[in-house]
Amino acid sequence: MSPGRIRSPRVSIVLPARNASATLDSCLRSVRRQVLGEWECILVDNGSTDGTRRAAERFAARDGRFRVVPFPEGNLVAALNEGVRHCRAPLIARMDADDLMHRDRLAAQAQTLERESSLAAVGCHVRLFPRAALARGLCDYEAWLNSLRSCGDVARDAFVECPVAHPSLMMRREMAALGYADHGWPEDYDLLLRALGARMRIGVVPRRLLSWRDGPRRLSRTDPRYALDRFVACKAHYLAAGFLGGADRYILCGYGSTGSALCRALARLDRHPAWIVEVHPARLGKRIHGAPVIPASALPGIEPLPMLVSVAREGPRSEVRRTLAALGFVEGKDYVCAA
């Protein structure tokens, strides 16, 4: 007997799909085999022109927990908000049509949120696939994501990279009520930074519960909203609105490619470096953007201002953290890492 529609689901899954017929069957099978059975899956057919809707409707005909929502717009942000509008459960999980859930994913994340009432959302660890073609940068990102294990880790590193893979997110309705917004940068990172800015706590279930597909059709490769400069613009916007607050001057630690990009993005928001901290001996004593370049050892003797550590690689970033701790600076209070 086929499962019918759940009267009171514990979890609603929002799954937008656009021309995803090649991967949708395997994705939906991974949803259907979940250990937690009290779910509904809101599959938003986002203007598909292939067999996506037919494949979705076949699953819905066999299992009433799947609901297909036709949505002709083809706009991902609007499709996500439409999917959330149809959700009935107190917990809302994201999923993408080319990824796979571990059978324990919904149960593990729902149990964590039901046990820890202070959390607004949780992500989980991921495994990127197919492995053979993964670039080194993606492997490094996967390793970094899977090193985060707590809400403290997420909050600390929120401006380094997006600390939760969006298709691994499960959130309470209160966070989903913030809505997805299109500001010309990644809508998932934007939602996460807004939630953290509203003092919502986002945790991690430290298990690999999502197989996250990489490929040439990923939006991160094809949509200009996911280009590197748009991530930097997103970080700069929320740093200016949050950590930097009303300050129009700050201290920048690191002026490599990441630091210079962040500096330019902040300048467009009228935030300018008062000092630049560097280890490169050729830069010491000079000025960049009008700011004197100094070594870290000079920090205790200058005006206390919000400090941004913009160092891309984990090893050098950890070294800067150790140096600042030895000088008495506290992460989250005196400085934020923003790679």
C-alpha atoms as a PDB file:
ATOM      1  CA  MET A   1       0.000   0.000   0.000  1.00  0.00           C
ATOM      2  CA  SER A   2       1.404   3.402  -1.001  1.00  0.00           C
ATOM      3  CA  PRO A   3       1.952   5.978   1.762  1.00  0.00           C
ATOM      4  CA  GLY A   4      -0.713   8.676   1.859  1.00  0.00           C
ATOM      5  CA  ARG A   5      -0.413  12.343   2.687  1.00  0.00           C
ATOM      6  CA  ILE A   6       0.824  12.936   6.246  1.00  0.00           C
ATOM      7  CA  ARG A   7      -1.735  14.887   8.281  1.00  0.00           C
ATOM      8  CA  SER A   8       0.823  16.520  10.610  1.00  0.00           C
ATOM      9  CA  PRO A   9       4.329  16.192   9.140  1.00  0.00           C
ATOM     10  CA  ARG A  10       7.338  16.720  11.414  1.00  0.00           C
ATOM     11  CA  VAL A  11       9.439  17.997   8.493  1.00  0.00           C
ATOM     12  CA  SER A  12       8.583  19.771   5.246  1.00  0.00           C
ATOM     13  CA  ILE A  13      11.184  19.465   2.485  1.00  0.00           C
ATOM     14  CA  VAL A  14      11.469  22.320  -0.015  1.00  0.00           C
ATOM     15  CA  LEU A  15      12.879  20.982  -3.261  1.00  0.00           C
ATOM     16  CA  PRO A  16      12.973  23.317  -6.285  1.00  0.00           C
ATOM     17  CA  ALA A  17      13.672  21.576  -9.583  1.00  0.00           C
ATOM     18  CA  ARG A  18      14.347  23.001 -13.026  1.00  0.00           C
ATOM     19  CA  ASN A  19      15.153  20.679 -15.934  1.00  0.00           C
ATOM     20  CA  ALA A  20      16.393  18.061 -13.489  1.00  0.00           C
ATOM     21  CA  SER A  21      14.975  14.906 -15.075  1.00  0.00           C
ATOM     22  CA  ALA A  22      18.434  13.272 -15.290  1.00  0.00           C
ATOM     23  CA  THR A  23      18.933  13.264 -11.506  1.00  0.00           C
ATOM     24  CA  LEU A  24      15.480  13.685  -9.972  1.00  0.00           C
ATOM     25  CA  ASP A  25      14.567  10.004  -9.644  1.00  0.00           C
ATOM     26  CA  SER A  26      17.642   9.158  -7.557  1.00  0.00           C
ATOM     27  CA  CYS A  27      17.125  12.277  -5.452  1.00  0.00           C
ATOM     28  CA  LEU A  28      13.490  11.455  -4.682  1.00  0.00           C
ATOM     29  CA  ARG A  29      14.322   7.828  -3.946  1.00  0.00           C
ATOM     30  CA  SER A  30      16.776   9.062  -1.311  1.00  0.00           C
ATOM     31  CA  VAL A  31      13.967  11.136   0.209  1.00  0.00           C
ATOM     32  CA  ARG A  32      11.529   8.235   0.158  1.00  0.00           C
ATOM     33  CA  ARG A  33      13.880   5.894   2.041  1.00  0.00           C
ATOM     34  CA  GLN A  34      14.252   8.225   5.061  1.00  0.00           C
ATOM     35  CA  VAL A  35      14.137   6.578   8.493  1.00  0.00           C
ATOM     36  CA  LEU A  36      11.920   9.440   9.665  1.00  0.00           C
ATOM     37  CA  GLY A  37       8.662   8.859   7.819  1.00  0.00           C
ATOM     38  CA  GLU A  38       6.585  11.860   8.915  1.00  0.00           C
ATOM     39  CA  TRP A  39       7.657  14.216   6.144  1.00  0.00           C
ATOM     40  CA  GLU A  40       6.174  15.994   3.187  1.00  0.00           C
ATOM     41  CA  CYS A  41       8.188  16.999   0.138  1.00  0.00           C
ATOM     42  CA  ILE A  42       7.138  20.179  -1.668  1.00  0.00           C
ATOM     43  CA  LEU A  43       8.612  19.782  -5.126  1.00  0.00           C
ATOM     44  CA  VAL A  44       8.450  23.129  -6.929  1.00  0.00           C
ATOM     45  CA  ASP A  45       8.694  22.580 -10.684  1.00  0.00           C
ATOM     46  CA  ASN A  46      10.465  25.812 -11.512  1.00  0.00           C
ATOM     47  CA  GLY A  47       9.594  26.324 -15.179  1.00  0.00           C
ATOM     48  CA  SER A  48      11.052  23.030 -16.420  1.00  0.00           C
ATOM     49  CA  THR A  49      10.941  22.254 -20.140  1.00  0.00           C
ATOM     50  CA  ASP A  50      12.060  18.603 -19.880  1.00  0.00           C
ATOM     51  CA  GLY A  51      10.513  15.623 -18.097  1.00  0.00           C
ATOM     52  CA  THR A  52      10.991  16.965 -14.566  1.00  0.00           C
ATOM     53  CA  ARG A  53       7.300  17.488 -13.818  1.00  0.00           C
ATOM     54  CA  ARG A  54       6.288  14.088 -15.203  1.00  0.00           C
ATOM     55  CA  ALA A  55       8.941  12.370 -13.066  1.00  0.00           C
ATOM     56  CA  ALA A  56       7.797  14.271  -9.979  1.00  0.00           C
ATOM     57  CA  GLU A  57       4.161  13.452 -10.591  1.00  0.00           C
ATOM     58  CA  ARG A  58       4.984   9.736 -10.906  1.00  0.00           C
ATOM     59  CA  PHE A  59       6.440   9.827  -7.388  1.00  0.00           C
ATOM     60  CA  ALA A  60       3.478  11.845  -6.095  1.00  0.00           C
ATOM     61  CA  ALA A  61       1.018   9.321  -7.571  1.00  0.00           C
ATOM     62  CA  ARG A  62       2.752   6.482  -5.676  1.00  0.00           C
ATOM     63  CA  ASP A  63       3.470   8.369  -2.444  1.00  0.00           C
ATOM     64  CA  GLY A  64       1.137  11.073  -1.133  1.00  0.00           C
ATOM     65  CA  ARG A  65       3.945  12.646   0.892  1.00  0.00           C
ATOM     66  CA  PHE A  66       5.252  14.191  -2.349  1.00  0.00           C
ATOM     67  CA  ARG A  67       3.398  17.292  -3.535  1.00  0.00           C
ATOM     68  CA  VAL A  68       4.158  18.892  -6.884  1.00  0.00           C
ATOM     69  CA  VAL A  69       3.762  22.668  -7.153  1.00  0.00           C
ATOM     70  CA  PRO A  70       3.904  23.969 -10.747  1.00  0.00           C
ATOM     71  CA  PHE A  71       5.734  27.291 -10.836  1.00  0.00           C
ATOM     72  CA  PRO A  72       6.359  28.781 -14.289  1.00  0.00           C
ATOM     73  CA  GLU A  73       8.611  31.693 -13.322  1.00  0.00           C
ATOM     74  CA  GLY A  74      12.004  29.981 -13.515  1.00  0.00           C
ATOM     75  CA  ASN A  75      13.365  32.212 -10.744  1.00  0.00           C
ATOM     76  CA  LEU A  76      15.040  30.258  -7.945  1.00  0.00           C
ATOM     77  CA  VAL A  77      14.469  32.810  -5.168  1.00  0.00           C
ATOM     78  CA  ALA A  78      10.769  33.078  -5.999  1.00  0.00           C
ATOM     79  CA  ALA A  79      10.496  29.277  -6.276  1.00  0.00           C
ATOM     80  CA  LEU A  80      12.064  28.833  -2.824  1.00  0.00           C
ATOM     81  CA  ASN A  81       9.644  31.311  -1.267  1.00  0.00           C
ATOM     82  CA  GLU A  82       6.759  29.578  -3.019  1.00  0.00           C
ATOM     83  CA  GLY A  83       7.902  26.232  -1.643  1.00  0.00           C
ATOM     84  CA  VAL A  84       8.141  27.590   1.906  1.00  0.00           C
ATOM     85  CA  ARG A  85       4.618  29.026   1.545  1.00  0.00           C
ATOM     86  CA  HIS A  86       3.261  25.494   1.002  1.00  0.00           C
ATOM     87  CA  CYS A  87       5.065  23.940   4.007  1.00  0.00           C
ATOM     88  CA  ARG A  88       2.957  22.698   6.929  1.00  0.00           C
ATOM     89  CA  ALA A  89       5.593  21.317   9.318  1.00  0.00           C
ATOM     90  CA  PRO A  90       7.384  23.220  12.097  1.00  0.00           C
ATOM     91  CA  LEU A  91      10.741  22.194  10.581  1.00  0.00           C
ATOM     92  CA  ILE A  92      11.699  22.972   6.978  1.00  0.00           C
ATOM     93  CA  ALA A  93      14.528  21.122   5.225  1.00  0.00           C
ATOM     94  CA  ARG A  94      16.168  22.191   1.986  1.00  0.00           C
ATOM     95  CA  MET A  95      17.111  19.782  -0.747  1.00  0.00           C
ATOM     96  CA  ASP A  96      18.280  20.122  -4.342  1.00  0.00           C
ATOM     97  CA  ALA A  97      17.151  17.932  -7.210  1.00  0.00           C
ATOM     98  CA  ASP A  98      20.620  16.623  -8.058  1.00  0.00           C
ATOM     99  CA  ASP A  99      21.694  15.644  -4.520  1.00  0.00           C
ATOM    100  CA  LEU A 100      21.138  12.583  -2.322  1.00  0.00           C
ATOM    101  CA  MET A 101      20.098  12.302   1.338  1.00  0.00           C
ATOM    102  CA  HIS A 102      21.542   9.721   3.694  1.00  0.00           C
ATOM    103  CA  ARG A 103      18.615   7.725   5.097  1.00  0.00           C
ATOM    104  CA  ASP A 104      19.263   9.148   8.597  1.00  0.00           C
ATOM    105  CA  ARG A 105      19.411  12.798   7.555  1.00  0.00           C
ATOM    106  CA  LEU A 106      15.904  13.989   8.450  1.00  0.00           C
ATOM    107  CA  ALA A 107      15.798  11.981  11.683  1.00  0.00           C
ATOM    108  CA  ALA A 108      19.195  13.185  12.919  1.00  0.00           C
ATOM    109  CA  GLN A 109      18.550  16.837  12.143  1.00  0.00           C
ATOM    110  CA  ALA A 110      14.978  16.851  13.481  1.00  0.00           C
ATOM    111  CA  GLN A 111      16.084  15.162  16.713  1.00  0.00           C
ATOM    112  CA  THR A 112      18.825  17.773  17.175  1.00  0.00           C
ATOM    113  CA  LEU A 113      16.403  20.681  16.705  1.00  0.00           C
ATOM    114  CA  GLU A 114      13.763  19.105  18.939  1.00  0.00           C
ATOM    115  CA  ARG A 115      16.371  18.464  21.635  1.00  0.00           C
ATOM    116  CA  GLU A 116      18.115  21.861  21.441  1.00  0.00           C
ATOM    117  CA  SER A 117      15.428  24.528  21.500  1.00  0.00           C
ATOM    118  CA  SER A 118      17.936  27.396  21.219  1.00  0.00           C
ATOM    119  CA  LEU A 119      18.935  26.380  17.687  1.00  0.00           C
ATOM    120  CA  ALA A 120      17.154  28.041  14.769  1.00  0.00           C
ATOM    121  CA  ALA A 121      18.640  25.628  12.222  1.00  0.00           C
ATOM    122  CA  VAL A 122      21.198  22.913  11.628  1.00  0.00           C
ATOM    123  CA  GLY A 123      23.283  21.847   8.681  1.00  0.00           C
ATOM    124  CA  CYS A 124      25.285  18.630   8.368  1.00  0.00           C
ATOM    125  CA  HIS A 125      28.527  17.406   6.892  1.00  0.00           C
ATOM    126  CA  VAL A 126      28.637  16.600   3.192  1.00  0.00           C
ATOM    127  CA  ARG A 127      30.381  14.425   0.636  1.00  0.00           C
ATOM    128  CA  LEU A 128      30.918  15.970  -2.774  1.00  0.00           C
ATOM    129  CA  PHE A 129      30.568  13.694  -5.800  1.00  0.00           C
ATOM    130  CA  PRO A 130      31.558  12.474  -8.348  1.00  0.00           C
ATOM    131  CA  ARG A 131      34.995  12.378  -6.747  1.00  0.00           C
ATOM    132  CA  ALA A 132      37.134  11.828  -9.853  1.00  0.00           C
ATOM    133  CA  ALA A 133      36.604  15.295 -11.324  1.00  0.00           C
ATOM    134  CA  LEU A 134      36.650  17.379  -8.124  1.00  0.00           C
ATOM    135  CA  ALA A 135      38.928  20.394  -8.237  1.00  0.00           C
ATOM    136  CA  ARG A 136      41.359  20.949  -5.364  1.00  0.00           C
ATOM    137  CA  GLY A 137      39.459  24.042  -4.250  1.00  0.00           C
ATOM    138  CA  LEU A 138      36.219  22.092  -3.844  1.00  0.00           C
ATOM    139  CA  CYS A 139      37.998  19.354  -1.904  1.00  0.00           C
ATOM    140  CA  ASP A 140      39.410  22.019   0.415  1.00  0.00           C
ATOM    141  CA  TYR A 141      35.949  23.559   0.839  1.00  0.00           C
ATOM    142  CA  GLU A 142      34.461  20.152   1.674  1.00  0.00           C
ATOM    143  CA  ALA A 143      37.188  19.539   4.275  1.00  0.00           C
ATOM    144  CA  TRP A 144      36.616  22.988   5.788  1.00  0.00           C
ATOM    145  CA  LEU A 145      32.819  22.516   5.913  1.00  0.00           C
ATOM    146  CA  ASN A 146      33.244  19.159   7.594  1.00  0.00           C
ATOM    147  CA  SER A 147      35.591  20.662  10.186  1.00  0.00           C
ATOM    148  CA  LEU A 148      32.716  22.787  11.560  1.00  0.00           C
ATOM    149  CA  ARG A 149      30.916  20.936  14.332  1.00  0.00           C
ATOM    150  CA  SER A 150      28.976  23.457  16.443  1.00  0.00           C
ATOM    151  CA  CYS A 151      27.005  26.696  16.369  1.00  0.00           C
ATOM    152  CA  GLY A 152      30.120  28.405  17.714  1.00  0.00           C
ATOM    153  CA  ASP A 153      32.101  27.210  14.690  1.00  0.00           C
ATOM    154  CA  VAL A 154      29.373  28.430  12.311  1.00  0.00           C
ATOM    155  CA  ALA A 155      29.174  31.881  13.900  1.00  0.00           C
ATOM    156  CA  ARG A 156      32.968  32.251  14.094  1.00  0.00           C
ATOM    157  CA  ASP A 157      33.589  31.360  10.445  1.00  0.00           C
ATOM    158  CA  ALA A 158      30.423  32.749   8.843  1.00  0.00           C
ATOM    159  CA  PHE A 159      32.408  35.358   6.873  1.00  0.00           C
ATOM    160  CA  VAL A 160      35.170  32.980   5.815  1.00  0.00           C
ATOM    161  CA  GLU A 161      32.933  30.970   3.489  1.00  0.00           C
ATOM    162  CA  CYS A 162      29.282  29.952   3.609  1.00  0.00           C
ATOM    163  CA  PRO A 163      29.507  27.598   6.631  1.00  0.00           C
ATOM    164  CA  VAL A 164      26.473  25.444   5.785  1.00  0.00           C
ATOM    165  CA  ALA A 165      25.837  23.750   2.449  1.00  0.00           C
ATOM    166  CA  HIS A 166      22.356  25.022   1.695  1.00  0.00           C
ATOM    167  CA  PRO A 167      20.824  21.705   0.565  1.00  0.00           C
ATOM    168  CA  SER A 168      21.893  20.317   3.966  1.00  0.00           C
ATOM    169  CA  LEU A 169      19.961  22.957   5.943  1.00  0.00           C
ATOM    170  CA  MET A 170      17.005  22.211   8.230  1.00  0.00           C
ATOM    171  CA  MET A 171      15.459  25.263   9.889  1.00  0.00           C
ATOM    172  CA  ARG A 172      12.583  26.209  12.102  1.00  0.00           C
ATOM    173  CA  ARG A 173       9.706  28.168  10.587  1.00  0.00           C
ATOM    174  CA  GLU A 174      10.939  31.285  12.423  1.00  0.00           C
ATOM    175  CA  MET A 175      14.107  31.320  10.329  1.00  0.00           C
ATOM    176  CA  ALA A 176      12.276  30.428   7.131  1.00  0.00           C
ATOM    177  CA  ALA A 177       9.978  33.407   7.801  1.00  0.00           C
ATOM    178  CA  LEU A 178      12.927  35.702   7.065  1.00  0.00           C
ATOM    179  CA  GLY A 179      12.359  34.706   3.433  1.00  0.00           C
ATOM    180  CA  TYR A 180      14.739  34.357   0.541  1.00  0.00           C
ATOM    181  CA  ALA A 181      15.844  37.601  -1.116  1.00  0.00           C
ATOM    182  CA  ASP A 182      17.475  38.414  -4.443  1.00  0.00           C
ATOM    183  CA  HIS A 183      20.185  41.028  -3.973  1.00  0.00           C
ATOM    184  CA  GLY A 184      22.333  39.856  -6.857  1.00  0.00           C
ATOM    185  CA  TRP A 185      24.372  37.498  -4.690  1.00  0.00           C
ATOM    186  CA  PRO A 186      23.805  33.928  -3.364  1.00  0.00           C
ATOM    187  CA  GLU A 187      20.356  33.751  -1.755  1.00  0.00           C
ATOM    188  CA  ASP A 188      21.382  30.913   0.575  1.00  0.00           C
ATOM    189  CA  TYR A 189      24.381  32.760   2.024  1.00  0.00           C
ATOM    190  CA  ASP A 190      22.249  35.890   2.319  1.00  0.00           C
ATOM    191  CA  LEU A 191      19.616  34.053   4.382  1.00  0.00           C
ATOM    192  CA  LEU A 192      22.266  32.554   6.641  1.00  0.00           C
ATOM    193  CA  LEU A 193      23.988  35.886   7.318  1.00  0.00           C
ATOM    194  CA  ARG A 194      20.661  37.603   7.976  1.00  0.00           C
ATOM    195  CA  ALA A 195      19.710  34.873  10.438  1.00  0.00           C
ATOM    196  CA  LEU A 196      23.044  35.134  12.256  1.00  0.00           C
ATOM    197  CA  GLY A 197      22.705  38.918  12.255  1.00  0.00           C
ATOM    198  CA  ALA A 198      19.326  38.471  13.952  1.00  0.00           C
ATOM    199  CA  ARG A 199      21.150  36.446  16.656  1.00  0.00           C
ATOM    200  CA  MET A 200      19.725  33.122  15.535  1.00  0.00           C
ATOM    201  CA  ARG A 201      21.935  30.143  16.406  1.00  0.00           C
ATOM    202  CA  ILE A 202      22.778  27.710  13.604  1.00  0.00           C
ATOM    203  CA  GLY A 203      24.335  24.369  14.464  1.00  0.00           C
ATOM    204  CA  VAL A 204      25.749  21.339  12.679  1.00  0.00           C
ATOM    205  CA  VAL A 205      25.020  17.628  12.877  1.00  0.00           C
ATOM    206  CA  PRO A 206      28.610  16.382  12.477  1.00  0.00           C
ATOM    207  CA  ARG A 207      27.771  13.470  10.163  1.00  0.00           C
ATOM    208  CA  ARG A 208      28.004  13.194   6.382  1.00  0.00           C
ATOM    209  CA  LEU A 209      24.280  13.118   5.676  1.00  0.00           C
ATOM    210  CA  LEU A 210      24.217  14.780   2.247  1.00  0.00           C
ATOM    211  CA  SER A 211      25.843  13.696  -0.998  1.00  0.00           C
ATOM    212  CA  TRP A 212      26.330  17.003  -2.783  1.00  0.00           C
ATOM    213  CA  ARG A 213      26.700  16.757  -6.543  1.00  0.00           C
ATOM    214  CA  ASP A 214      29.231  18.839  -8.454  1.00  0.00           C
ATOM    215  CA  GLY A 215      28.893  19.339 -12.185  1.00  0.00           C
ATOM    216  CA  PRO A 216      28.972  21.854 -15.035  1.00  0.00           C
ATOM    217  CA  ARG A 217      25.258  22.728 -14.637  1.00  0.00           C
ATOM    218  CA  ARG A 218      25.497  23.835 -11.005  1.00  0.00           C
ATOM    219  CA  LEU A 219      24.257  27.382 -10.534  1.00  0.00           C
ATOM    220  CA  SER A 220      27.520  28.214  -8.797  1.00  0.00           C
ATOM    221  CA  ARG A 221      29.190  27.652 -12.170  1.00  0.00           C
ATOM    222  CA  THR A 222      26.580  29.194 -14.491  1.00  0.00           C
ATOM    223  CA  ASP A 223      24.818  32.040 -12.658  1.00  0.00           C
ATOM    224  CA  PRO A 224      26.646  35.382 -12.208  1.00  0.00           C
ATOM    225  CA  ARG A 225      25.032  35.771  -8.769  1.00  0.00           C
ATOM    226  CA  TYR A 226      27.387  33.018  -7.534  1.00  0.00           C
ATOM    227  CA  ALA A 227      30.604  34.555  -8.873  1.00  0.00           C
ATOM    228  CA  LEU A 228      33.364  35.208  -6.343  1.00  0.00           C
ATOM    229  CA  ASP A 229      32.893  38.976  -6.398  1.00  0.00           C
ATOM    230  CA  ARG A 230      29.211  38.557  -5.490  1.00  0.00           C
ATOM    231  CA  PHE A 231      30.134  36.474  -2.427  1.00  0.00           C
ATOM    232  CA  VAL A 232      32.531  39.265  -1.426  1.00  0.00           C
ATOM    233  CA  ALA A 233      29.807  41.885  -1.935  1.00  0.00           C
ATOM    234  CA  CYS A 234      27.469  39.851   0.283  1.00  0.00           C
ATOM    235  CA  LYS A 235      30.081  39.596   3.043  1.00  0.00           C
ATOM    236  CA  ALA A 236      30.867  43.315   2.835  1.00  0.00           C
ATOM    237  CA  HIS A 237      27.185  44.253   3.077  1.00  0.00           C
ATOM    238  CA  TYR A 238      26.597  42.269   6.260  1.00  0.00           C
ATOM    239  CA  LEU A 239      29.924  43.236   7.813  1.00  0.00           C
ATOM    240  CA  ALA A 240      29.084  46.907   7.258  1.00  0.00           C
ATOM    241  CA  ALA A 241      25.617  46.412   8.726  1.00  0.00           C
ATOM    242  CA  GLY A 242      26.778  44.232  11.626  1.00  0.00           C
ATOM    243  CA  PHE A 243      30.301  43.892  12.996  1.00  0.00           C
ATOM    244  CA  LEU A 244      31.514  47.232  11.656  1.00  0.00           C
ATOM    245  CA  GLY A 245      28.261  48.858  12.789  1.00  0.00           C
ATOM    246  CA  GLY A 246      28.489  52.619  12.640  1.00  0.00           C
ATOM    247  CA  ALA A 247      32.268  52.619  12.208  1.00  0.00           C
ATOM    248  CA  ASP A 248      33.471  53.939   8.864  1.00  0.00           C
ATOM    249  CA  ARG A 249      37.100  52.979   9.637  1.00  0.00           C
ATOM    250  CA  TYR A 250      38.545  49.574  10.451  1.00  0.00           C
ATOM    251  CA  ILE A 251      41.820  47.661  10.643  1.00  0.00           C
ATOM    252  CA  LEU A 252      42.475  45.161   7.850  1.00  0.00           C
ATOM    253  CA  CYS A 253      44.792  42.204   8.536  1.00  0.00           C
ATOM    254  CA  GLY A 254      46.048  40.826   5.239  1.00  0.00           C
ATOM    255  CA  TYR A 255      46.192  42.490   1.843  1.00  0.00           C
ATOM    256  CA  GLY A 256      46.476  39.552  -0.494  1.00  0.00           C
ATOM    257  CA  SER A 257      43.864  38.870  -3.169  1.00  0.00           C
ATOM    258  CA  THR A 258      41.095  38.217  -0.620  1.00  0.00           C
ATOM    259  CA  GLY A 259      41.942  41.213   1.548  1.00  0.00           C
ATOM    260  CA  SER A 260      42.169  43.595  -1.407  1.00  0.00           C
ATOM    261  CA  ALA A 261      38.835  42.374  -2.815  1.00  0.00           C
ATOM    262  CA  LEU A 262      37.113  42.837   0.546  1.00  0.00           C
ATOM    263  CA  CYS A 263      38.713  46.278   0.938  1.00  0.00           C
ATOM    264  CA  ARG A 264      37.334  47.383  -2.440  1.00  0.00           C
ATOM    265  CA  ALA A 265      33.854  46.038  -1.653  1.00  0.00           C
ATOM    266  CA  LEU A 266      33.796  47.830   1.707  1.00  0.00           C
ATOM    267  CA  ALA A 267      35.005  51.066   0.091  1.00  0.00           C
ATOM    268  CA  ARG A 268      31.873  51.020  -2.055  1.00  0.00           C
ATOM    269  CA  LEU A 269      29.954  51.093   1.243  1.00  0.00           C
ATOM    270  CA  ASP A 270      32.053  53.994   2.594  1.00  0.00           C
ATOM    271  CA  ARG A 271      34.075  51.792   4.938  1.00  0.00           C
ATOM    272  CA  HIS A 272      37.815  52.390   4.651  1.00  0.00           C
ATOM    273  CA  PRO A 273      40.907  50.902   6.339  1.00  0.00           C
ATOM    274  CA  ALA A 274      42.639  53.091   8.903  1.00  0.00           C
ATOM    275  CA  TRP A 275      45.541  50.613   9.200  1.00  0.00           C
ATOM    276  CA  ILE A 276      46.606  47.567   7.214  1.00  0.00           C
ATOM    277  CA  VAL A 277      48.477  44.787   9.020  1.00  0.00           C
ATOM    278  CA  GLU A 278      50.874  42.796   6.856  1.00  0.00           C
ATOM    279  CA  VAL A 279      53.700  40.271   7.204  1.00  0.00           C
ATOM    280  CA  HIS A 280      55.118  41.044   3.742  1.00  0.00           C
ATOM    281  CA  PRO A 281      58.326  43.013   4.511  1.00  0.00           C
ATOM    282  CA  ALA A 282      58.187  44.974   1.242  1.00  0.00           C
ATOM    283  CA  ARG A 283      54.832  46.476   2.237  1.00  0.00           C
ATOM    284  CA  LEU A 284      55.690  47.516   5.791  1.00  0.00           C
ATOM    285  CA  GLY A 285      56.007  51.264   6.248  1.00  0.00           C
ATOM    286  CA  LYS A 286      54.135  52.020   3.024  1.00  0.00           C
ATOM    287  CA  ARG A 287      50.525  53.142   2.497  1.00  0.00           C
ATOM    288  CA  ILE A 288      47.731  51.234   0.772  1.00  0.00           C
ATOM    289  CA  HIS A 289      44.471  53.094   0.114  1.00  0.00           C
ATOM    290  CA  GLY A 290      45.961  55.829   2.257  1.00  0.00           C
ATOM    291  CA  ALA A 291      46.316  53.484   5.255  1.00  0.00           C
ATOM    292  CA  PRO A 292      49.723  52.913   6.895  1.00  0.00           C
ATOM    293  CA  VAL A 293      50.962  49.316   6.647  1.00  0.00           C
ATOM    294  CA  ILE A 294      52.161  47.986  10.009  1.00  0.00           C
ATOM    295  CA  PRO A 295      53.232  44.654  11.552  1.00  0.00           C
ATOM    296  CA  ALA A 296      50.927  42.843  13.988  1.00  0.00           C
ATOM    297  CA  SER A 297      53.256  43.734  16.851  1.00  0.00           C
ATOM    298  CA  ALA A 298      52.255  47.401  16.431  1.00  0.00           C
ATOM    299  CA  LEU A 299      48.541  46.727  17.007  1.00  0.00           C
ATOM    300  CA  PRO A 300      48.504  47.361  20.801  1.00  0.00           C
ATOM    301  CA  GLY A 301      49.815  50.875  20.227  1.00  0.00           C
ATOM    302  CA  ILE A 302      47.212  52.137  17.745  1.00  0.00           C
ATOM    303  CA  GLU A 303      43.629  53.342  18.001  1.00  0.00           C
ATOM    304  CA  PRO A 304      41.285  50.410  18.809  1.00  0.00           C
ATOM    305  CA  LEU A 305      39.014  49.853  15.828  1.00  0.00           C
ATOM    306  CA  PRO A 306      37.044  46.849  14.528  1.00  0.00           C
ATOM    307  CA  MET A 307      39.489  44.459  12.871  1.00  0.00           C
ATOM    308  CA  LEU A 308      38.927  42.213   9.849  1.00  0.00           C
ATOM    309  CA  VAL A 309      41.269  39.278   9.232  1.00  0.00           C
ATOM    310  CA  SER A 310      41.137  38.540   5.514  1.00  0.00           C
ATOM    311  CA  VAL A 311      43.399  35.545   4.971  1.00  0.00           C
ATOM    312  CA  ALA A 312      42.158  32.851   2.598  1.00  0.00           C
ATOM    313  CA  ARG A 313      44.121  29.751   3.614  1.00  0.00           C
ATOM    314  CA  GLU A 314      43.315  27.924   6.827  1.00  0.00           C
ATOM    315  CA  GLY A 315      46.927  27.502   7.969  1.00  0.00           C
ATOM    316  CA  PRO A 316      47.943  31.184   7.772  1.00  0.00           C
ATOM    317  CA  ARG A 317      44.535  32.201   9.181  1.00  0.00           C
ATOM    318  CA  SER A 318      45.098  29.995  12.232  1.00  0.00           C
ATOM    319  CA  GLU A 319      48.530  31.577  12.656  1.00  0.00           C
ATOM    320  CA  VAL A 320      46.964  35.062  12.646  1.00  0.00           C
ATOM    321  CA  ARG A 321      44.404  33.910  15.210  1.00  0.00           C
ATOM    322  CA  ARG A 322      47.191  32.673  17.483  1.00  0.00           C
ATOM    323  CA  THR A 323      49.117  35.940  17.083  1.00  0.00           C
ATOM    324  CA  LEU A 324      46.075  38.066  17.900  1.00  0.00           C
ATOM    325  CA  ALA A 325      45.184  35.903  20.896  1.00  0.00           C
ATOM    326  CA  ALA A 326      48.723  36.350  22.240  1.00  0.00           C
ATOM    327  CA  LEU A 327      48.268  40.125  21.897  1.00  0.00           C
ATOM    328  CA  GLY A 328      45.027  39.961  23.894  1.00  0.00           C
ATOM    329  CA  PHE A 329      42.507  40.335  21.061  1.00  0.00           C
ATOM    330  CA  VAL A 330      39.252  38.337  21.266  1.00  0.00           C
ATOM    331  CA  GLU A 331      37.630  36.881  18.154  1.00  0.00           C
ATOM    332  CA  GLY A 332      34.045  38.006  17.651  1.00  0.00           C
ATOM    333  CA  LYS A 333      34.580  41.028  19.907  1.00  0.00           C
ATOM    334  CA  ASP A 334      37.749  42.676  18.590  1.00  0.00           C
ATOM    335  CA  TYR A 335      38.045  41.003  15.206  1.00  0.00           C
ATOM    336  CA  VAL A 336      36.256  38.799  12.688  1.00  0.00           C
ATOM    337  CA  CYS A 337      37.780  36.523  10.075  1.00  0.00           C
ATOM    338  CA  ALA A 338      36.437  37.342   6.616  1.00  0.00           C
ATOM    339  CA  ALA A 339      38.312  35.542   3.851  1.00  0.00           C
END
